[in-house]
């Protein structure tokens, strides 16, 4: 190979390595499709894999060598790749029990060595997520029957977890929104007892946020369950919510089979908790 060609080749390698430092920081991942949209050629990506600059985590998904990828890195990467612009909220949000854990309101260790992360989105999670060989599990929850699309992008109900310096934050639901999301999975994935324990820590919820969320919420079941739990604990914020302001539907709702009918909200609940 001629000297000028070698010099040019080394220059190109240096260029795409510098680009990767910006596009793919240590601890994060990216898909081949997204990297290509950012201006990296497929040839450059193939060279990066051959020179062990990039580590294939799954087909078409890469991270940089010499650094493991945490669940925060996976979620922050996915949120970064799906955001429309720097000011927008990503369409995939950490919610439910995982969001309550990030807010310090869950006694259950779900973000430990083998974390189970609950992600909320109106669309399906990307297929590559299930192909990752990482010690973590991501569970997708469709929000079509729970939230209108505008609410998913409203920053008033989103918090940011700064998991590492100079990295994009992880976006997650505020406690008020996360609690309602969790109730959507009751009683199949979440027990009445667990939901009640979590509500014990909800001393300082915002009645203003709850008012907006309950008015926007599309699930009659979730709203009735929330009021039933809130009335059990009767915190100060509960007294500031007027039930007549919210659509709680009509008729009975069988939440648990062979349960007792609570006549305040017309839902069946475990007999020992009514």
Protein backbone atom coordinates (compact mmCIF):
# COMPACT_ATOMS: atom_id res chain seq x y z
CA UNK A 1 0.00 0.00 0.00
CA UNK A 2 1.37 3.41 -0.98
CA UNK A 3 2.46 5.75 1.82
CA UNK A 4 -0.16 8.35 0.92
CA UNK A 5 -2.88 5.68 0.93
CA UNK A 6 -1.78 4.42 4.34
CA UNK A 7 -1.80 7.96 5.72
CA UNK A 8 -5.25 8.56 4.29
CA UNK A 9 -6.49 5.25 5.73
CA UNK A 10 -5.17 6.14 9.20
CA UNK A 11 -6.79 9.55 8.94
CA UNK A 12 -10.16 7.99 8.15
CA UNK A 13 -9.83 5.61 11.10
CA UNK A 14 -9.00 8.54 13.35
CA UNK A 15 -12.01 10.46 12.03
CA UNK A 16 -14.58 7.75 12.71
CA UNK A 17 -13.05 6.98 16.11
CA UNK A 18 -13.48 10.62 17.09
CA UNK A 19 -17.04 10.52 15.78
CA UNK A 20 -17.77 7.41 17.84
CA UNK A 21 -16.52 9.11 21.00
CA UNK A 22 -19.20 11.73 20.52
CA UNK A 23 -22.00 9.52 19.19
CA UNK A 24 -21.36 6.53 21.41
CA UNK A 25 -19.90 7.44 24.82
CA UNK A 26 -18.65 4.69 27.08
CA UNK A 27 -21.45 2.93 28.91
CA UNK A 28 -24.01 3.54 26.16
CA UNK A 29 -25.13 1.68 23.06
CA UNK A 30 -26.48 2.49 19.61
CA UNK A 31 -27.97 0.69 16.64
CA UNK A 32 -26.28 0.53 13.26
CA UNK A 33 -29.29 2.30 11.74
CA UNK A 34 -29.05 5.22 14.17
CA UNK A 35 -25.27 5.56 13.78
CA UNK A 36 -25.67 5.58 10.00
CA UNK A 37 -28.25 8.38 10.29
CA UNK A 38 -25.69 10.39 12.24
CA UNK A 39 -23.31 10.25 9.28
CA UNK A 40 -21.15 7.17 9.90
CA UNK A 41 -20.81 4.97 6.84
CA UNK A 42 -21.46 1.25 7.01
CA UNK A 43 -17.85 0.75 5.94
CA UNK A 44 -16.64 2.78 8.93
CA UNK A 45 -18.87 0.76 11.26
CA UNK A 46 -17.55 -2.52 9.86
CA UNK A 47 -13.98 -1.29 10.35
CA UNK A 48 -14.77 -0.25 13.92
CA UNK A 49 -15.95 -3.79 14.67
CA UNK A 50 -12.89 -5.35 13.00
CA UNK A 51 -10.51 -3.11 14.94
CA UNK A 52 -12.45 -3.83 18.17
CA UNK A 53 -13.43 -0.22 18.60
CA UNK A 54 -17.03 -1.35 18.63
CA UNK A 55 -18.42 -4.36 20.52
CA UNK A 56 -21.49 -6.05 18.95
CA UNK A 57 -24.03 -6.59 21.73
CA UNK A 58 -26.61 -8.06 19.35
CA UNK A 59 -27.23 -7.99 15.61
CA UNK A 60 -26.96 -4.33 14.62
CA UNK A 61 -26.42 -3.05 18.18
CA UNK A 62 -23.05 -1.82 19.45
CA UNK A 63 -21.25 -0.38 22.42
CA UNK A 64 -17.63 0.65 22.86
CA UNK A 65 -15.13 -1.86 24.17
CA UNK A 66 -13.58 -1.61 27.66
CA UNK A 67 -16.80 -0.58 29.37
CA UNK A 68 -19.82 -2.59 30.53
CA UNK A 69 -23.32 -1.30 29.82
CA UNK A 70 -25.69 -0.78 32.75
CA UNK A 71 -29.48 -0.68 32.58
CA UNK A 72 -29.24 3.11 32.81
CA UNK A 73 -26.95 3.10 29.78
CA UNK A 74 -29.40 0.98 27.80
CA UNK A 75 -32.41 3.15 28.69
CA UNK A 76 -30.59 6.46 28.22
CA UNK A 77 -29.37 5.23 24.82
CA UNK A 78 -32.83 4.11 23.73
CA UNK A 79 -34.38 7.37 24.89
CA UNK A 80 -31.71 9.39 23.10
CA UNK A 81 -32.26 7.50 19.85
CA UNK A 82 -36.05 7.95 19.96
CA UNK A 83 -36.19 11.63 20.97
CA UNK A 84 -37.23 13.96 18.17
CA UNK A 85 -34.99 16.78 19.35
CA UNK A 86 -32.93 17.89 22.31
CA UNK A 87 -35.89 19.62 23.99
CA UNK A 88 -38.44 16.83 23.65
CA UNK A 89 -39.37 14.05 26.03
CA UNK A 90 -38.62 10.57 24.61
CA UNK A 91 -41.62 8.35 23.81
CA UNK A 92 -40.24 5.58 26.07
CA UNK A 93 -40.26 6.34 29.80
CA UNK A 94 -39.22 4.38 32.88
CA UNK A 95 -42.45 4.08 34.84
CA UNK A 96 -44.46 2.14 37.38
CA UNK A 97 -42.50 0.29 40.06
CA UNK A 98 -39.13 1.18 38.48
CA UNK A 99 -39.94 4.90 38.59
CA UNK A 100 -41.09 4.64 42.21
CA UNK A 101 -37.79 2.95 43.04
CA UNK A 102 -35.85 5.78 41.38
CA UNK A 103 -37.84 8.23 43.51
CA UNK A 104 -36.97 6.28 46.65
CA UNK A 105 -40.59 5.23 47.26
CA UNK A 106 -40.27 1.47 46.82
CA UNK A 107 -38.90 -0.88 49.45
CA UNK A 108 -38.48 -3.58 46.83
CA UNK A 109 -35.03 -3.99 45.26
CA UNK A 110 -35.80 -4.00 41.53
CA UNK A 111 -32.77 -2.06 40.30
CA UNK A 112 -30.01 -4.21 41.82
CA UNK A 113 -27.51 -6.57 40.24
CA UNK A 114 -30.12 -8.16 37.92
CA UNK A 115 -32.61 -5.30 37.52
CA UNK A 116 -36.12 -5.60 36.13
CA UNK A 117 -36.95 -2.33 34.38
CA UNK A 118 -40.51 -1.32 33.52
CA UNK A 119 -40.76 0.83 30.39
CA UNK A 120 -43.94 2.63 29.32
CA UNK A 121 -44.67 3.56 25.72
CA UNK A 122 -47.54 3.78 23.26
CA UNK A 123 -45.61 1.70 20.73
CA UNK A 124 -43.81 -1.61 21.10
CA UNK A 125 -40.30 -1.67 22.49
CA UNK A 126 -37.57 -2.08 19.84
CA UNK A 127 -36.98 -5.74 18.96
CA UNK A 128 -33.23 -5.46 19.56
CA UNK A 129 -33.85 -4.87 23.25
CA UNK A 130 -34.84 -8.52 23.77
CA UNK A 131 -31.71 -9.71 21.95
CA UNK A 132 -29.25 -8.07 24.32
CA UNK A 133 -27.18 -10.54 26.36
CA UNK A 134 -27.06 -8.37 29.47
CA UNK A 135 -27.92 -9.20 33.13
CA UNK A 136 -31.15 -7.21 33.12
CA UNK A 137 -34.75 -7.54 31.98
CA UNK A 138 -36.83 -4.89 30.29
CA UNK A 139 -40.61 -5.18 30.41
CA UNK A 140 -42.72 -3.08 28.08
CA UNK A 141 -46.12 -1.65 29.05
CA UNK A 142 -48.40 -0.22 26.39
CA UNK A 143 -50.03 3.04 27.52
CA UNK A 144 -52.70 3.38 24.83
CA UNK A 145 -55.53 2.58 27.28
CA UNK A 146 -54.00 4.55 30.14
CA UNK A 147 -52.70 7.92 28.90
CA UNK A 148 -53.42 10.22 25.96
CA UNK A 149 -50.36 10.71 23.78
CA UNK A 150 -49.84 14.37 24.76
CA UNK A 151 -49.39 13.46 28.41
CA UNK A 152 -46.46 11.13 27.63
CA UNK A 153 -44.52 14.15 26.35
CA UNK A 154 -45.50 16.58 29.09
CA UNK A 155 -42.40 17.47 31.12
CA UNK A 156 -44.53 18.34 34.15
CA UNK A 157 -44.86 14.61 34.87
CA UNK A 158 -41.29 13.56 34.04
CA UNK A 159 -38.19 13.46 36.23
CA UNK A 160 -34.54 12.97 35.22
CA UNK A 161 -32.04 10.59 36.77
CA UNK A 162 -28.48 11.82 36.29
CA UNK A 163 -26.87 8.38 36.37
CA UNK A 164 -23.39 9.42 35.20
CA UNK A 165 -21.60 12.68 34.46
CA UNK A 166 -21.57 13.83 30.82
CA UNK A 167 -24.20 11.26 29.83
CA UNK A 168 -27.82 11.86 28.83
CA UNK A 169 -30.19 11.42 31.80
CA UNK A 170 -32.69 8.62 32.22
CA UNK A 171 -36.24 9.97 32.01
CA UNK A 172 -38.82 8.48 34.39
CA UNK A 173 -42.36 9.14 35.61
CA UNK A 174 -42.98 11.33 38.64
CA UNK A 175 -44.39 9.44 41.68
CA UNK A 176 -47.98 10.52 40.99
CA UNK A 177 -47.87 9.18 37.43
CA UNK A 178 -45.84 6.08 38.36
CA UNK A 179 -48.38 5.02 40.99
CA UNK A 180 -51.23 5.18 38.50
CA UNK A 181 -49.16 3.22 35.98
CA UNK A 182 -48.48 0.53 38.55
CA UNK A 183 -52.19 0.16 39.36
CA UNK A 184 -52.89 -0.73 35.72
CA UNK A 185 -51.13 -4.06 36.37
CA UNK A 186 -53.11 -4.91 39.50
CA UNK A 187 -53.83 -7.72 40.41
CA UNK A 188 -52.07 -9.83 37.73
CA UNK A 189 -48.52 -8.46 38.07
CA UNK A 190 -48.93 -6.39 41.23
CA UNK A 191 -50.78 -7.52 44.35
CA UNK A 192 -53.22 -5.46 46.39
CA UNK A 193 -50.91 -5.83 49.38
CA UNK A 194 -47.90 -4.52 47.45
CA UNK A 195 -49.86 -1.55 46.09
CA UNK A 196 -51.08 -0.76 49.59
CA UNK A 197 -47.52 -0.88 50.99
CA UNK A 198 -46.37 1.50 48.27
CA UNK A 199 -49.21 3.90 49.02
CA UNK A 200 -48.00 4.04 52.62
CA UNK A 201 -45.01 6.03 51.38
CA UNK A 202 -47.06 8.47 49.29
CA UNK A 203 -47.29 11.10 52.02
CA UNK A 204 -46.26 14.10 49.94
CA UNK A 205 -47.90 13.67 46.55
CA UNK A 206 -48.86 16.79 44.63
CA UNK A 207 -52.65 17.31 44.46
CA UNK A 208 -52.11 19.59 41.46
CA UNK A 209 -50.34 16.84 39.51
CA UNK A 210 -52.83 14.22 40.65
CA UNK A 211 -55.73 16.40 39.52
CA UNK A 212 -54.28 16.72 36.00
CA UNK A 213 -53.33 13.04 35.79
CA UNK A 214 -56.69 11.75 37.01
CA UNK A 215 -58.52 13.98 34.55
CA UNK A 216 -56.31 12.72 31.70
CA UNK A 217 -56.30 9.05 32.70
CA UNK A 218 -58.36 6.83 30.40
CA UNK A 219 -58.65 3.84 32.77
CA UNK A 220 -61.72 3.69 35.01
CA UNK A 221 -60.17 0.74 36.87
CA UNK A 222 -56.99 2.66 37.68
CA UNK A 223 -58.83 5.74 38.91
CA UNK A 224 -61.17 3.76 41.17
CA UNK A 225 -58.29 1.73 42.61
CA UNK A 226 -56.33 4.90 43.26
CA UNK A 227 -59.18 6.53 45.16
CA UNK A 228 -59.82 3.34 47.14
CA UNK A 229 -56.17 3.16 48.23
CA UNK A 230 -55.94 6.90 48.84
CA UNK A 231 -59.02 6.85 51.06
CA UNK A 232 -57.50 4.01 53.14
CA UNK A 233 -54.52 6.22 54.04
CA UNK A 234 -56.34 9.58 53.96
CA UNK A 235 -53.29 11.81 53.48
CA UNK A 236 -53.65 15.59 53.35
CA UNK A 237 -53.47 15.66 49.55
CA UNK A 238 -56.45 13.31 49.32
CA UNK A 239 -58.70 15.90 50.93
CA UNK A 240 -57.85 18.32 48.13
CA UNK A 241 -59.20 16.03 45.40
CA UNK A 242 -62.91 16.27 44.56
CA UNK A 243 -64.05 12.88 43.25
CA UNK A 244 -66.89 14.54 41.35
CA UNK A 245 -64.30 16.18 39.07
CA UNK A 246 -63.23 12.84 37.58
CA UNK A 247 -64.87 10.29 35.33
CA UNK A 248 -65.11 7.16 37.47
CA UNK A 249 -67.57 5.44 35.16
CA UNK A 250 -70.62 3.51 36.28
CA UNK A 251 -71.45 -0.02 37.35
CA UNK A 252 -69.36 -2.61 39.13
CA UNK A 253 -65.77 -3.56 38.24
CA UNK A 254 -64.49 -7.02 39.13
CA UNK A 255 -60.83 -6.42 39.95
CA UNK A 256 -60.28 -9.61 41.96
CA UNK A 257 -62.41 -12.75 41.70
CA UNK A 258 -64.25 -13.87 44.82
CA UNK A 259 -63.44 -10.52 46.40
CA UNK A 260 -65.67 -8.24 48.43
CA UNK A 261 -67.50 -5.40 46.74
CA UNK A 262 -66.38 -2.02 48.01
CA UNK A 263 -69.46 0.17 47.71
CA UNK A 264 -67.53 3.45 47.81
CA UNK A 265 -65.99 2.81 44.40
CA UNK A 266 -67.86 -0.31 43.24
CA UNK A 267 -64.81 -2.50 42.79
CA UNK A 268 -64.11 -5.96 44.17
CA UNK A 269 -61.18 -6.05 46.56
CA UNK A 270 -59.69 -8.73 48.86
CA UNK A 271 -62.10 -9.23 51.75
CA UNK A 272 -59.39 -8.78 54.37
CA UNK A 273 -58.53 -5.33 52.99
CA UNK A 274 -62.02 -3.84 52.73
